Each structure stands twice: as structure tokens, then as C-alpha cells.
Amino acid sequence: MIDKPGLGVLSLNSAQNMKYHFSITTAMVARYCIEGGMDLADAYSLSDFYIQKADLCKTAKEVSDLHPIMCEDYAVRMKKMRKKKVCSLAIANCLDYIYDHLHTRITIESLAEHVHLNTSYLSRLFKKEMGVSVSEYIQDKKIETSKNMLIYSDYNIAQIASILAFPSQSYYTKVFHEKTDMTPSHYRTLYFRNIEIGKDSLL
């Protein structure tokens, strides 16, 4: 985080500058998790906890080192929250695999091998428990992740398509349009970093 290109200057004091950026990033992560189903009180409490920890840091590096810890904490809590809604261990393991491999091409074969089930049985079980097919669920999660990248990152459309292992930028754009009724470019134009610091922005 400390060496991220284009990081704006919000304070001439390097440590304070990082604290401001950390607060903004934490608010963004909390908002994203709330949209994904995390309880408001839990998201706010965790946000307050890490912002207070950052405030105690003495150097910019200490704040920067706290950033991945905060992100991983939110990610682990989201993963546990989603797994609670799943009945079987096999599907819970599938969700873990999907969340950990969104940057790769995920197939029903790779999932079936991971959980030691045949593909037809896994397909039926997944649809029964999750309400959608494996391929649709994977697409939904990749598009959900790409929305976050469009709003909060500086990656261009082609880079996002590549990072999330879509076959091509055009295919990514097609799927995105099917899911959202707009193109990735239009979505970014509407929502890019459209957030204010503070809890009110998370509502």
C-alpha cells in the first residue's frame, strides 16, 4: 500500500497521510462486505477497530503493514458467513475453492476433483443447495469482484478481464452486460470511487 502508484497526498506527514488512506480503504471494504451480506454492526465494529489500530501506528510502514491484515480479516469473516448458509461440507469446500481461485479458470471438473465427487452429482448438489448452477455462481462471483475493482482500483477493463481469467475482454463485457444491463465502462463512469469517508456512506 505504501508504494502504490498514484497514491494521493492527503497530509504532508507521511504517517498521517497513510492513516487517511487506510481509513478510506477500510470504509470501502466495510461497504463492500455490507453489500455482500455482513451485518452492519459487525462491519462498523471491525472498521472502528482497525482505524483505531492504525491511529496508534507511529510510521507509514506500520500503517501499510496493517492493510493486508485488515483485508484478510474481512475476507475470512465473509467466507465464514457465507459457508454458514451451506448445508453440506462438499459445497462449503467448493465455495472456499471458488473464492480462492477467482483469478483462474474454474471448471466443474476441477471442483469435482477438489471435493472427490463425480461431476454430475456435484452439479445436482450445488444447484440444490445454492439455487444456481456452478457456472452461473462462478460468473456471479467474478462479476461481483470485478464491480469492486471497477469502483476502487485503477486497473483498466482488459486488465480486470485478464486478472479474473475471462477468455477475452469482449466476453467479460458481454457477461457483465448480461448481469448488470450496462458495460463495465459505463459502470465505472457511474460509480468510480463514489464514496465519502464516514459511516453514513456505508448505508
N, C-alpha and C. Protein backbone atom coordinates (compact mmCIF):
# COMPACT_ATOMS: atom_id res chain seq x y z
N MET A 1 0.84 -1.21 0.00
CA MET A 1 0.00 0.00 0.00
C MET A 1 0.86 1.25 0.00
N ILE A 2 1.96 1.22 0.72
CA ILE A 2 2.79 2.42 0.89
C ILE A 2 3.42 2.86 -0.43
N ASP A 3 3.67 1.90 -1.34
CA ASP A 3 4.33 2.23 -2.60
C ASP A 3 3.36 2.23 -3.77
N LYS A 4 2.06 2.23 -3.52
CA LYS A 4 1.08 2.18 -4.60
C LYS A 4 1.19 3.41 -5.47
N PRO A 5 1.38 3.23 -6.81
CA PRO A 5 1.48 4.39 -7.70
C PRO A 5 0.19 5.21 -7.67
N GLY A 6 0.35 6.53 -7.69
CA GLY A 6 -0.81 7.40 -7.74
C GLY A 6 -1.48 7.64 -6.41
N LEU A 7 -0.87 7.18 -5.32
CA LEU A 7 -1.45 7.39 -4.01
C LEU A 7 -1.45 8.88 -3.72
N GLY A 8 -2.63 9.45 -3.49
CA GLY A 8 -2.74 10.89 -3.31
C GLY A 8 -2.13 11.37 -2.01
N VAL A 9 -1.84 12.66 -1.95
CA VAL A 9 -1.28 13.28 -0.75
C VAL A 9 -2.41 13.99 -0.01
N LEU A 10 -2.80 13.41 1.11
CA LEU A 10 -3.85 14.00 1.93
C LEU A 10 -3.27 14.71 3.14
N SER A 11 -1.97 14.46 3.42
CA SER A 11 -1.27 15.13 4.50
C SER A 11 0.22 15.13 4.17
N LEU A 12 0.92 16.19 4.54
CA LEU A 12 2.35 16.24 4.29
C LEU A 12 3.12 15.33 5.24
N ASN A 13 2.49 14.94 6.33
CA ASN A 13 3.09 13.97 7.24
C ASN A 13 2.83 12.58 6.68
N SER A 14 3.90 11.83 6.39
CA SER A 14 3.75 10.54 5.70
C SER A 14 2.90 9.54 6.48
N ALA A 15 3.10 9.49 7.80
CA ALA A 15 2.32 8.56 8.61
C ALA A 15 0.84 8.96 8.62
N GLN A 16 0.58 10.26 8.77
CA GLN A 16 -0.81 10.73 8.79
C GLN A 16 -1.46 10.52 7.43
N ASN A 17 -0.68 10.72 6.37
CA ASN A 17 -1.19 10.50 5.02
C ASN A 17 -1.66 9.06 4.85
N MET A 18 -0.86 8.10 5.31
CA MET A 18 -1.21 6.70 5.22
C MET A 18 -2.44 6.39 6.07
N LYS A 19 -2.55 7.04 7.22
CA LYS A 19 -3.72 6.81 8.08
C LYS A 19 -5.00 7.26 7.39
N TYR A 20 -4.94 8.40 6.69
CA TYR A 20 -6.12 8.88 5.97
C TYR A 20 -6.51 7.87 4.88
N HIS A 21 -5.51 7.41 4.14
CA HIS A 21 -5.78 6.45 3.07
C HIS A 21 -6.29 5.12 3.65
N PHE A 22 -5.74 4.73 4.77
CA PHE A 22 -6.18 3.49 5.42
C PHE A 22 -7.66 3.60 5.82
N SER A 23 -8.04 4.74 6.37
CA SER A 23 -9.43 4.96 6.78
C SER A 23 -10.38 4.87 5.58
N ILE A 24 -9.97 5.45 4.46
CA ILE A 24 -10.79 5.40 3.25
C ILE A 24 -10.92 3.97 2.76
N THR A 25 -9.81 3.25 2.71
CA THR A 25 -9.83 1.87 2.23
C THR A 25 -10.68 0.99 3.14
N THR A 26 -10.55 1.18 4.44
CA THR A 26 -11.34 0.39 5.39
C THR A 26 -12.83 0.65 5.20
N ALA A 27 -13.20 1.90 4.96
CA ALA A 27 -14.60 2.24 4.70
C ALA A 27 -15.10 1.55 3.43
N MET A 28 -14.24 1.51 2.40
CA MET A 28 -14.60 0.85 1.15
C MET A 28 -14.83 -0.65 1.36
N VAL A 29 -13.91 -1.29 2.09
CA VAL A 29 -14.01 -2.73 2.34
C VAL A 29 -15.26 -3.03 3.16
N ALA A 30 -15.52 -2.22 4.18
CA ALA A 30 -16.70 -2.42 5.01
C ALA A 30 -17.97 -2.29 4.18
N ARG A 31 -18.02 -1.29 3.34
CA ARG A 31 -19.20 -1.09 2.48
C ARG A 31 -19.40 -2.28 1.56
N TYR A 32 -18.33 -2.76 0.97
CA TYR A 32 -18.41 -3.90 0.06
C TYR A 32 -18.92 -5.14 0.80
N CYS A 33 -18.45 -5.36 2.01
CA CYS A 33 -18.88 -6.52 2.79
C CYS A 33 -20.34 -6.40 3.22
N ILE A 34 -20.76 -5.18 3.57
CA ILE A 34 -22.16 -4.97 3.92
C ILE A 34 -23.05 -5.30 2.73
N GLU A 35 -22.64 -4.86 1.54
CA GLU A 35 -23.40 -5.17 0.33
C GLU A 35 -23.44 -6.67 0.09
N GLY A 36 -22.41 -7.39 0.57
CA GLY A 36 -22.36 -8.83 0.41
C GLY A 36 -23.09 -9.60 1.50
N GLY A 37 -23.67 -8.86 2.48
CA GLY A 37 -24.47 -9.53 3.50
C GLY A 37 -23.95 -9.47 4.92
N MET A 38 -22.80 -8.84 5.14
CA MET A 38 -22.27 -8.75 6.50
C MET A 38 -23.16 -7.83 7.33
N ASP A 39 -23.35 -8.19 8.58
CA ASP A 39 -24.15 -7.39 9.49
C ASP A 39 -23.55 -5.99 9.64
N LEU A 40 -24.42 -4.97 9.63
CA LEU A 40 -23.95 -3.59 9.73
C LEU A 40 -23.11 -3.36 10.98
N ALA A 41 -23.60 -3.83 12.12
CA ALA A 41 -22.89 -3.61 13.37
C ALA A 41 -21.52 -4.28 13.35
N ASP A 42 -21.45 -5.49 12.79
CA ASP A 42 -20.18 -6.20 12.71
C ASP A 42 -19.19 -5.46 11.81
N ALA A 43 -19.68 -5.00 10.67
CA ALA A 43 -18.81 -4.28 9.73
C ALA A 43 -18.31 -2.98 10.34
N TYR A 44 -19.20 -2.24 11.02
CA TYR A 44 -18.80 -0.99 11.65
C TYR A 44 -17.80 -1.22 12.78
N SER A 45 -18.05 -2.24 13.60
CA SER A 45 -17.16 -2.52 14.73
C SER A 45 -15.76 -2.88 14.25
N LEU A 46 -15.71 -3.70 13.19
CA LEU A 46 -14.41 -4.10 12.66
C LEU A 46 -13.70 -2.91 12.05
N SER A 47 -14.46 -2.06 11.36
CA SER A 47 -13.88 -0.84 10.77
C SER A 47 -13.31 0.05 11.87
N ASP A 48 -14.07 0.27 12.93
CA ASP A 48 -13.59 1.10 14.04
C ASP A 48 -12.33 0.50 14.67
N PHE A 49 -12.33 -0.82 14.83
CA PHE A 49 -11.20 -1.50 15.45
C PHE A 49 -9.91 -1.24 14.68
N TYR A 50 -9.97 -1.40 13.35
CA TYR A 50 -8.75 -1.25 12.56
C TYR A 50 -8.34 0.21 12.38
N ILE A 51 -9.31 1.10 12.29
CA ILE A 51 -8.97 2.52 12.19
C ILE A 51 -8.30 2.99 13.48
N GLN A 52 -8.76 2.48 14.62
CA GLN A 52 -8.13 2.82 15.90
C GLN A 52 -6.72 2.24 15.99
N LYS A 53 -6.56 1.00 15.47
CA LYS A 53 -5.21 0.40 15.46
C LYS A 53 -4.27 1.22 14.58
N ALA A 54 -4.78 1.67 13.43
CA ALA A 54 -3.95 2.48 12.53
C ALA A 54 -3.56 3.79 13.19
N ASP A 55 -4.48 4.35 13.97
CA ASP A 55 -4.22 5.63 14.62
C ASP A 55 -3.08 5.53 15.64
N LEU A 56 -2.86 4.32 16.17
CA LEU A 56 -1.78 4.10 17.14
C LEU A 56 -0.43 3.87 16.48
N CYS A 57 -0.44 3.66 15.16
CA CYS A 57 0.82 3.41 14.45
C CYS A 57 1.68 4.67 14.42
N LYS A 58 2.98 4.46 14.48
CA LYS A 58 3.92 5.59 14.53
C LYS A 58 4.50 5.94 13.17
N THR A 59 4.53 4.97 12.25
CA THR A 59 5.15 5.21 10.94
C THR A 59 4.21 4.81 9.82
N ALA A 60 4.51 5.32 8.62
CA ALA A 60 3.70 4.97 7.45
C ALA A 60 3.79 3.47 7.16
N LYS A 61 4.96 2.87 7.38
CA LYS A 61 5.13 1.44 7.14
C LYS A 61 4.25 0.60 8.06
N GLU A 62 4.12 1.01 9.31
CA GLU A 62 3.27 0.28 10.25
C GLU A 62 1.82 0.29 9.77
N VAL A 63 1.38 1.43 9.26
CA VAL A 63 0.01 1.52 8.74
C VAL A 63 -0.13 0.65 7.50
N SER A 64 0.87 0.71 6.63
CA SER A 64 0.84 -0.09 5.41
C SER A 64 0.81 -1.58 5.72
N ASP A 65 1.57 -2.01 6.72
CA ASP A 65 1.61 -3.42 7.10
C ASP A 65 0.28 -3.89 7.67
N LEU A 66 -0.50 -2.96 8.23
CA LEU A 66 -1.79 -3.31 8.81
C LEU A 66 -2.85 -3.54 7.73
N HIS A 67 -2.63 -2.96 6.56
CA HIS A 67 -3.63 -3.02 5.49
C HIS A 67 -3.98 -4.45 5.06
N PRO A 68 -3.02 -5.31 4.71
CA PRO A 68 -3.39 -6.68 4.31
C PRO A 68 -4.02 -7.48 5.44
N ILE A 69 -3.65 -7.17 6.68
CA ILE A 69 -4.24 -7.86 7.84
C ILE A 69 -5.73 -7.52 7.93
N MET A 70 -6.04 -6.24 7.75
CA MET A 70 -7.44 -5.80 7.79
C MET A 70 -8.25 -6.45 6.67
N CYS A 71 -7.70 -6.45 5.45
CA CYS A 71 -8.41 -7.02 4.31
C CYS A 71 -8.65 -8.51 4.50
N GLU A 72 -7.63 -9.22 4.99
CA GLU A 72 -7.78 -10.66 5.20
C GLU A 72 -8.81 -10.96 6.28
N ASP A 73 -8.86 -10.13 7.33
CA ASP A 73 -9.83 -10.33 8.40
C ASP A 73 -11.25 -10.23 7.85
N TYR A 74 -11.52 -9.20 7.06
CA TYR A 74 -12.84 -9.06 6.46
C TYR A 74 -13.14 -10.24 5.54
N ALA A 75 -12.15 -10.65 4.73
CA ALA A 75 -12.35 -11.74 3.78
C ALA A 75 -12.69 -13.05 4.49
N VAL A 76 -11.96 -13.35 5.56
CA VAL A 76 -12.20 -14.58 6.32
C VAL A 76 -13.60 -14.56 6.94
N ARG A 77 -14.00 -13.43 7.48
CA ARG A 77 -15.33 -13.32 8.09
C ARG A 77 -16.44 -13.48 7.05
N MET A 78 -16.21 -12.92 5.85
CA MET A 78 -17.20 -13.08 4.78
C MET A 78 -17.30 -14.53 4.35
N LYS A 79 -16.17 -15.19 4.26
CA LYS A 79 -16.15 -16.59 3.85
C LYS A 79 -16.90 -17.46 4.87
N LYS A 80 -16.66 -17.22 6.15
CA LYS A 80 -17.34 -17.98 7.20
C LYS A 80 -18.83 -17.71 7.18
N MET A 81 -19.21 -16.45 6.97
CA MET A 81 -20.61 -16.08 6.94
C MET A 81 -21.35 -16.80 5.82
N ARG A 82 -20.73 -16.85 4.65
CA ARG A 82 -21.38 -17.49 3.50
C ARG A 82 -21.44 -19.00 3.67
N LYS A 83 -20.43 -19.57 4.29
CA LYS A 83 -20.42 -21.02 4.48
C LYS A 83 -21.50 -21.47 5.46
N LYS A 84 -21.91 -20.59 6.37
CA LYS A 84 -22.96 -20.95 7.33
C LYS A 84 -24.28 -21.22 6.64
N LYS A 85 -24.46 -20.66 5.45
CA LYS A 85 -25.70 -20.82 4.72
C LYS A 85 -25.72 -22.13 3.91
N VAL A 86 -24.61 -22.85 3.93
CA VAL A 86 -24.48 -24.06 3.12
C VAL A 86 -24.69 -25.29 3.99
N CYS A 87 -25.39 -26.28 3.43
CA CYS A 87 -25.72 -27.47 4.21
C CYS A 87 -24.57 -28.47 4.25
N SER A 88 -23.98 -28.79 3.11
CA SER A 88 -23.02 -29.89 3.06
C SER A 88 -21.58 -29.40 3.07
N LEU A 89 -20.71 -30.26 3.58
CA LEU A 89 -19.28 -29.95 3.62
C LEU A 89 -18.72 -29.83 2.21
N ALA A 90 -19.22 -30.66 1.29
CA ALA A 90 -18.71 -30.64 -0.09
C ALA A 90 -18.94 -29.29 -0.74
N ILE A 91 -20.12 -28.72 -0.57
CA ILE A 91 -20.41 -27.43 -1.19
C ILE A 91 -19.67 -26.30 -0.47
N ALA A 92 -19.52 -26.42 0.85
CA ALA A 92 -18.72 -25.43 1.59
C ALA A 92 -17.29 -25.42 1.07
N ASN A 93 -16.75 -26.59 0.80
CA ASN A 93 -15.38 -26.68 0.25
C ASN A 93 -15.32 -26.12 -1.16
N CYS A 94 -16.40 -26.32 -1.93
CA CYS A 94 -16.46 -25.75 -3.27
C CYS A 94 -16.42 -24.22 -3.21
N LEU A 95 -17.17 -23.64 -2.27
CA LEU A 95 -17.18 -22.18 -2.14
C LEU A 95 -15.81 -21.67 -1.76
N ASP A 96 -15.14 -22.36 -0.85
CA ASP A 96 -13.78 -21.98 -0.48
C ASP A 96 -12.88 -21.97 -1.72
N TYR A 97 -13.00 -23.03 -2.51
CA TYR A 97 -12.16 -23.16 -3.70
C TYR A 97 -12.46 -22.03 -4.69
N ILE A 98 -13.74 -21.74 -4.89
CA ILE A 98 -14.12 -20.69 -5.84
C ILE A 98 -13.58 -19.34 -5.39
N TYR A 99 -13.77 -19.00 -4.10
CA TYR A 99 -13.30 -17.71 -3.60
C TYR A 99 -11.78 -17.57 -3.70
N ASP A 100 -11.08 -18.69 -3.53
CA ASP A 100 -9.61 -18.65 -3.57
C ASP A 100 -9.04 -18.71 -4.98
N HIS A 101 -9.89 -19.02 -5.98
CA HIS A 101 -9.38 -19.20 -7.35
C HIS A 101 -10.14 -18.35 -8.38
N LEU A 102 -10.68 -17.22 -7.95
CA LEU A 102 -11.39 -16.36 -8.88
C LEU A 102 -10.48 -15.83 -9.98
N HIS A 103 -9.18 -15.87 -9.74
CA HIS A 103 -8.21 -15.39 -10.74
C HIS A 103 -7.84 -16.48 -11.74
N THR A 104 -8.49 -17.64 -11.66
CA THR A 104 -8.19 -18.74 -12.57
C THR A 104 -9.47 -19.18 -13.29
N ARG A 105 -9.32 -20.06 -14.27
CA ARG A 105 -10.48 -20.64 -14.94
C ARG A 105 -10.95 -21.83 -14.10
N ILE A 106 -12.13 -21.71 -13.52
CA ILE A 106 -12.67 -22.75 -12.63
C ILE A 106 -13.69 -23.57 -13.42
N THR A 107 -13.55 -24.87 -13.38
CA THR A 107 -14.48 -25.75 -14.08
C THR A 107 -15.15 -26.70 -13.09
N ILE A 108 -16.25 -27.30 -13.53
CA ILE A 108 -16.92 -28.29 -12.69
C ILE A 108 -16.00 -29.47 -12.45
N GLU A 109 -15.12 -29.76 -13.43
CA GLU A 109 -14.17 -30.87 -13.27
C GLU A 109 -13.16 -30.58 -12.17
N SER A 110 -12.66 -29.36 -12.14
CA SER A 110 -11.67 -29.01 -11.10
C SER A 110 -12.31 -29.01 -9.72
N LEU A 111 -13.57 -28.55 -9.63
CA LEU A 111 -14.29 -28.57 -8.36
C LEU A 111 -14.56 -30.01 -7.91
N ALA A 112 -15.02 -30.84 -8.85
CA ALA A 112 -15.33 -32.23 -8.51
C ALA A 112 -14.09 -32.97 -8.03
N GLU A 113 -12.96 -32.71 -8.67
CA GLU A 113 -11.71 -33.33 -8.24
C GLU A 113 -11.32 -32.85 -6.84
N HIS A 114 -11.56 -31.56 -6.58
CA HIS A 114 -11.20 -30.98 -5.29
C HIS A 114 -11.98 -31.60 -4.15
N VAL A 115 -13.27 -31.91 -4.38
CA VAL A 115 -14.13 -32.44 -3.30
C VAL A 115 -14.37 -33.95 -3.45
N HIS A 116 -13.71 -34.56 -4.43
CA HIS A 116 -13.78 -36.02 -4.62
C HIS A 116 -15.19 -36.52 -4.87
N LEU A 117 -15.91 -35.83 -5.79
CA LEU A 117 -17.23 -36.25 -6.22
C LEU A 117 -17.26 -36.28 -7.74
N ASN A 118 -18.18 -37.04 -8.32
CA ASN A 118 -18.28 -37.01 -9.78
C ASN A 118 -19.03 -35.75 -10.20
N THR A 119 -18.80 -35.33 -11.42
CA THR A 119 -19.28 -34.02 -11.87
C THR A 119 -20.81 -33.92 -11.90
N SER A 120 -21.48 -34.98 -12.32
CA SER A 120 -22.95 -34.91 -12.42
C SER A 120 -23.60 -34.79 -11.05
N TYR A 121 -23.07 -35.56 -10.08
CA TYR A 121 -23.63 -35.48 -8.72
C TYR A 121 -23.35 -34.11 -8.11
N LEU A 122 -22.13 -33.61 -8.30
CA LEU A 122 -21.78 -32.30 -7.74
C LEU A 122 -22.64 -31.21 -8.36
N SER A 123 -22.90 -31.29 -9.66
CA SER A 123 -23.73 -30.28 -10.32
C SER A 123 -25.12 -30.25 -9.73
N ARG A 124 -25.71 -31.43 -9.51
CA ARG A 124 -27.06 -31.50 -8.94
C ARG A 124 -27.07 -30.99 -7.50
N LEU A 125 -26.06 -31.39 -6.72
CA LEU A 125 -25.98 -30.98 -5.31
C LEU A 125 -25.79 -29.47 -5.19
N PHE A 126 -24.93 -28.92 -6.03
CA PHE A 126 -24.66 -27.48 -5.99
C PHE A 126 -25.93 -26.70 -6.33
N LYS A 127 -26.62 -27.12 -7.38
CA LYS A 127 -27.85 -26.42 -7.79
C LYS A 127 -28.91 -26.51 -6.68
N LYS A 128 -29.00 -27.66 -6.03
CA LYS A 128 -29.98 -27.86 -4.97
C LYS A 128 -29.70 -26.94 -3.78
N GLU A 129 -28.43 -26.82 -3.38
CA GLU A 129 -28.10 -26.07 -2.18
C GLU A 129 -27.91 -24.58 -2.43
N MET A 130 -27.41 -24.21 -3.60
CA MET A 130 -27.12 -22.81 -3.87
C MET A 130 -28.18 -22.12 -4.72
N GLY A 131 -29.03 -22.92 -5.36
CA GLY A 131 -30.11 -22.33 -6.15
C GLY A 131 -29.72 -21.93 -7.56
N VAL A 132 -28.43 -22.05 -7.90
CA VAL A 132 -27.94 -21.73 -9.25
C VAL A 132 -26.93 -22.79 -9.65
N SER A 133 -26.62 -22.84 -10.95
CA SER A 133 -25.62 -23.79 -11.42
C SER A 133 -24.22 -23.35 -11.00
N VAL A 134 -23.27 -24.27 -11.09
CA VAL A 134 -21.88 -23.96 -10.75
C VAL A 134 -21.36 -22.83 -11.63
N SER A 135 -21.59 -22.92 -12.93
CA SER A 135 -21.05 -21.92 -13.85
C SER A 135 -21.67 -20.54 -13.59
N GLU A 136 -22.97 -20.51 -13.31
CA GLU A 136 -23.62 -19.22 -13.04
C GLU A 136 -23.11 -18.62 -11.74
N TYR A 137 -22.89 -19.45 -10.73
CA TYR A 137 -22.38 -18.96 -9.45
C TYR A 137 -20.98 -18.37 -9.62
N ILE A 138 -20.14 -19.07 -10.36
CA ILE A 138 -18.77 -18.58 -10.59
C ILE A 138 -18.81 -17.25 -11.34
N GLN A 139 -19.64 -17.17 -12.37
CA GLN A 139 -19.77 -15.92 -13.11
C GLN A 139 -20.24 -14.79 -12.20
N ASP A 140 -21.23 -15.08 -11.35
CA ASP A 140 -21.75 -14.06 -10.44
C ASP A 140 -20.66 -13.53 -9.53
N LYS A 141 -19.84 -14.43 -8.98
CA LYS A 141 -18.78 -14.02 -8.05
C LYS A 141 -17.69 -13.23 -8.78
N LYS A 142 -17.38 -13.63 -10.01
CA LYS A 142 -16.36 -12.89 -10.77
C LYS A 142 -16.86 -11.50 -11.15
N ILE A 143 -18.13 -11.41 -11.53
CA ILE A 143 -18.68 -10.10 -11.87
C ILE A 143 -18.78 -9.23 -10.62
N GLU A 144 -19.16 -9.84 -9.49
CA GLU A 144 -19.22 -9.10 -8.22
C GLU A 144 -17.84 -8.55 -7.86
N THR A 145 -16.81 -9.37 -8.03
CA THR A 145 -15.45 -8.92 -7.74
C THR A 145 -15.01 -7.85 -8.72
N SER A 146 -15.38 -8.00 -9.98
CA SER A 146 -14.98 -7.02 -10.98
C SER A 146 -15.64 -5.66 -10.72
N LYS A 147 -16.86 -5.66 -10.19
CA LYS A 147 -17.50 -4.40 -9.83
C LYS A 147 -16.66 -3.64 -8.80
N ASN A 148 -16.20 -4.37 -7.81
CA ASN A 148 -15.36 -3.76 -6.78
C ASN A 148 -14.08 -3.20 -7.38
N MET A 149 -13.49 -3.94 -8.34
CA MET A 149 -12.26 -3.49 -8.99
C MET A 149 -12.53 -2.26 -9.85
N LEU A 150 -13.68 -2.22 -10.51
CA LEU A 150 -14.03 -1.06 -11.33
C LEU A 150 -14.21 0.19 -10.48
N ILE A 151 -14.78 0.01 -9.29
CA ILE A 151 -15.04 1.15 -8.42
C ILE A 151 -13.78 1.64 -7.71
N TYR A 152 -12.98 0.69 -7.21
CA TYR A 152 -11.93 1.06 -6.26
C TYR A 152 -10.49 0.90 -6.77
N SER A 153 -10.30 0.33 -7.97
CA SER A 153 -8.93 0.15 -8.47
C SER A 153 -8.71 0.97 -9.73
N ASP A 154 -7.44 1.03 -10.15
CA ASP A 154 -7.09 1.75 -11.37
C ASP A 154 -6.84 0.80 -12.54
N TYR A 155 -7.15 -0.49 -12.35
CA TYR A 155 -6.98 -1.44 -13.46
C TYR A 155 -7.93 -1.08 -14.60
N ASN A 156 -7.44 -1.20 -15.85
CA ASN A 156 -8.34 -0.97 -16.97
C ASN A 156 -9.19 -2.20 -17.24
N ILE A 157 -10.14 -2.09 -18.16
CA ILE A 157 -11.10 -3.17 -18.40
C ILE A 157 -10.40 -4.45 -18.84
N ALA A 158 -9.43 -4.33 -19.72
CA ALA A 158 -8.70 -5.50 -20.22
C ALA A 158 -7.95 -6.19 -19.09
N GLN A 159 -7.35 -5.41 -18.20
CA GLN A 159 -6.61 -5.99 -17.08
C GLN A 159 -7.55 -6.73 -16.13
N ILE A 160 -8.71 -6.16 -15.85
CA ILE A 160 -9.67 -6.81 -14.97
C ILE A 160 -10.13 -8.13 -15.57
N ALA A 161 -10.43 -8.11 -16.87
CA ALA A 161 -10.84 -9.35 -17.55
C ALA A 161 -9.76 -10.41 -17.45
N SER A 162 -8.51 -10.01 -17.60
CA SER A 162 -7.39 -10.95 -17.53
C SER A 162 -7.18 -11.47 -16.11
N ILE A 163 -7.21 -10.57 -15.13
CA ILE A 163 -6.99 -10.96 -13.73
C ILE A 163 -8.03 -11.98 -13.29
N LEU A 164 -9.26 -11.83 -13.74
CA LEU A 164 -10.34 -12.74 -13.34
C LEU A 164 -10.52 -13.91 -14.31
N ALA A 165 -9.54 -14.07 -15.21
CA ALA A 165 -9.47 -15.25 -16.08
C ALA A 165 -10.66 -15.40 -17.02
N PHE A 166 -11.20 -14.28 -17.49
CA PHE A 166 -12.18 -14.36 -18.56
C PHE A 166 -11.44 -14.65 -19.87
N PRO A 167 -12.04 -15.39 -20.79
CA PRO A 167 -11.34 -15.75 -22.04
C PRO A 167 -10.89 -14.54 -22.85
N SER A 168 -11.67 -13.45 -22.77
CA SER A 168 -11.34 -12.24 -23.51
C SER A 168 -12.05 -11.05 -22.89
N GLN A 169 -11.60 -9.86 -23.26
CA GLN A 169 -12.26 -8.65 -22.76
C GLN A 169 -13.68 -8.57 -23.30
N SER A 170 -13.88 -8.97 -24.54
CA SER A 170 -15.22 -8.90 -25.12
C SER A 170 -16.19 -9.84 -24.42
N TYR A 171 -15.70 -11.02 -24.03
CA TYR A 171 -16.57 -11.97 -23.33
C TYR A 171 -16.91 -11.44 -21.93
N TYR A 172 -15.91 -10.87 -21.26
CA TYR A 172 -16.16 -10.26 -19.95
C TYR A 172 -17.21 -9.17 -20.07
N THR A 173 -17.08 -8.30 -21.09
CA THR A 173 -18.04 -7.22 -21.29
C THR A 173 -19.43 -7.77 -21.54
N LYS A 174 -19.52 -8.84 -22.32
CA LYS A 174 -20.81 -9.47 -22.63
C LYS A 174 -21.47 -10.00 -21.36
N VAL A 175 -20.71 -10.73 -20.53
CA VAL A 175 -21.26 -11.30 -19.30
C VAL A 175 -21.65 -10.18 -18.34
N PHE A 176 -20.78 -9.17 -18.22
CA PHE A 176 -21.06 -8.04 -17.33
C PHE A 176 -22.38 -7.37 -17.73
N HIS A 177 -22.57 -7.17 -19.03
CA HIS A 177 -23.79 -6.53 -19.52
C HIS A 177 -25.02 -7.38 -19.22
N GLU A 178 -24.88 -8.70 -19.37
CA GLU A 178 -25.98 -9.60 -19.08
C GLU A 178 -26.39 -9.54 -17.61
N LYS A 179 -25.40 -9.36 -16.74
CA LYS A 179 -25.68 -9.36 -15.29
C LYS A 179 -26.14 -8.00 -14.77
N THR A 180 -25.73 -6.91 -15.42
CA THR A 180 -25.96 -5.58 -14.87
C THR A 180 -26.73 -4.62 -15.79
N ASP A 181 -26.93 -5.02 -17.04
CA ASP A 181 -27.57 -4.16 -18.04
C ASP A 181 -26.75 -2.91 -18.35
N MET A 182 -25.45 -2.99 -18.13
CA MET A 182 -24.57 -1.90 -18.54
C MET A 182 -23.17 -2.47 -18.82
N THR A 183 -22.36 -1.72 -19.53
CA THR A 183 -21.00 -2.16 -19.81
C THR A 183 -20.10 -1.85 -18.61
N PRO A 184 -18.95 -2.52 -18.52
CA PRO A 184 -18.01 -2.18 -17.44
C PRO A 184 -17.61 -0.70 -17.46
N SER A 185 -17.41 -0.15 -18.65
CA SER A 185 -17.02 1.26 -18.76
C SER A 185 -18.09 2.18 -18.21
N HIS A 186 -19.35 1.88 -18.53
CA HIS A 186 -20.45 2.69 -18.03
C HIS A 186 -20.56 2.57 -16.51
N TYR A 187 -20.40 1.35 -16.02
CA TYR A 187 -20.47 1.12 -14.57
C TYR A 187 -19.38 1.92 -13.85
N ARG A 188 -18.15 1.90 -14.40
CA ARG A 188 -17.06 2.66 -13.78
C ARG A 188 -17.36 4.15 -13.82
N THR A 189 -17.89 4.64 -14.92
CA THR A 189 -18.22 6.06 -15.04
C THR A 189 -19.20 6.49 -13.96
N LEU A 190 -20.17 5.62 -13.67
CA LEU A 190 -21.19 5.95 -12.67
C LEU A 190 -20.69 5.87 -11.24
N TYR A 191 -19.82 4.88 -10.95
CA TYR A 191 -19.53 4.57 -9.55
C TYR A 191 -18.06 4.70 -9.13
N PHE A 192 -17.15 5.04 -10.01
CA PHE A 192 -15.73 5.04 -9.67
C PHE A 192 -15.44 5.90 -8.45
N ARG A 193 -14.99 5.20 -7.37
CA ARG A 193 -14.62 5.86 -6.11
C ARG A 193 -15.69 6.83 -5.62
N ASN A 194 -16.93 6.46 -5.83
CA ASN A 194 -18.06 7.30 -5.39
C ASN A 194 -18.38 6.96 -3.95
N ILE A 195 -17.50 7.40 -3.05
CA ILE A 195 -17.66 7.10 -1.62
C ILE A 195 -17.10 8.23 -0.78
N GLU A 196 -17.73 8.51 0.32
CA GLU A 196 -17.23 9.51 1.26
C GLU A 196 -16.75 8.80 2.52
N ILE A 197 -15.85 9.45 3.21
CA ILE A 197 -15.35 8.88 4.46
C ILE A 197 -16.44 9.01 5.52
N GLY A 198 -16.64 7.93 6.29
CA GLY A 198 -17.60 8.00 7.37
C GLY A 198 -18.65 6.94 7.24
N LYS A 199 -19.29 6.61 8.36
CA LYS A 199 -20.27 5.53 8.38
C LYS A 199 -21.50 5.84 7.56
N ASP A 200 -21.87 7.08 7.43
CA ASP A 200 -23.06 7.41 6.68
C ASP A 200 -22.94 6.95 5.24
N SER A 201 -21.71 6.90 4.71
CA SER A 201 -21.50 6.48 3.33
C SER A 201 -21.71 4.99 3.16
N LEU A 202 -21.75 4.25 4.26
CA LEU A 202 -21.90 2.80 4.16
C LEU A 202 -23.36 2.40 4.14
N LEU A 203 -24.24 3.31 4.38
CA LEU A 203 -25.67 2.97 4.44
C LEU A 203 -26.25 2.89 3.05
